């Protein structure tokens, strides 16, 4: 149940970023926020370079995956991203940070459900650290209003 709520909330946040277009103020449930630009990636190599900058080189490997259903995290520190034209929707910063949060939780020893409170806390913290505090706040607000538990 939390997993579905996490995905719905993150879809709403991605819509806010699409609407803001970087640098415009949006209303996030009554809180005016100027959201930063969101990185978009052209290929697996550019996602790998981004992941290396965020976590340090060699900590997570990015690979292409078949289909366009989305990105996913694999145990052992691998993020699989769609390599087809139809999968470019997943080649965006918020999606990659979601997958990186899986790695952060898996390697922290925090445990818990795959999309539970430790995970959502990791997404919020990564977004705030990498994209800026407004991105983290937008996620926290939408998660909370969507009934998602944030650790």
Foldseek 3Di string as FASTA:
>chain_A
DLVVLLVVLLVVLVVVLVVLQAQRWDQQPNDTDRFHHKDFDDAQVVLQVVVCVLPNPPQAHEEEDDDQPEWAEDPPHYIYAHGDPNNSVRRIRLNSLLRVLLVVCVVVVVDDDSSAQSSLQSSLVSCCVPRHNRSSVSSVSSCVVSVGHHD
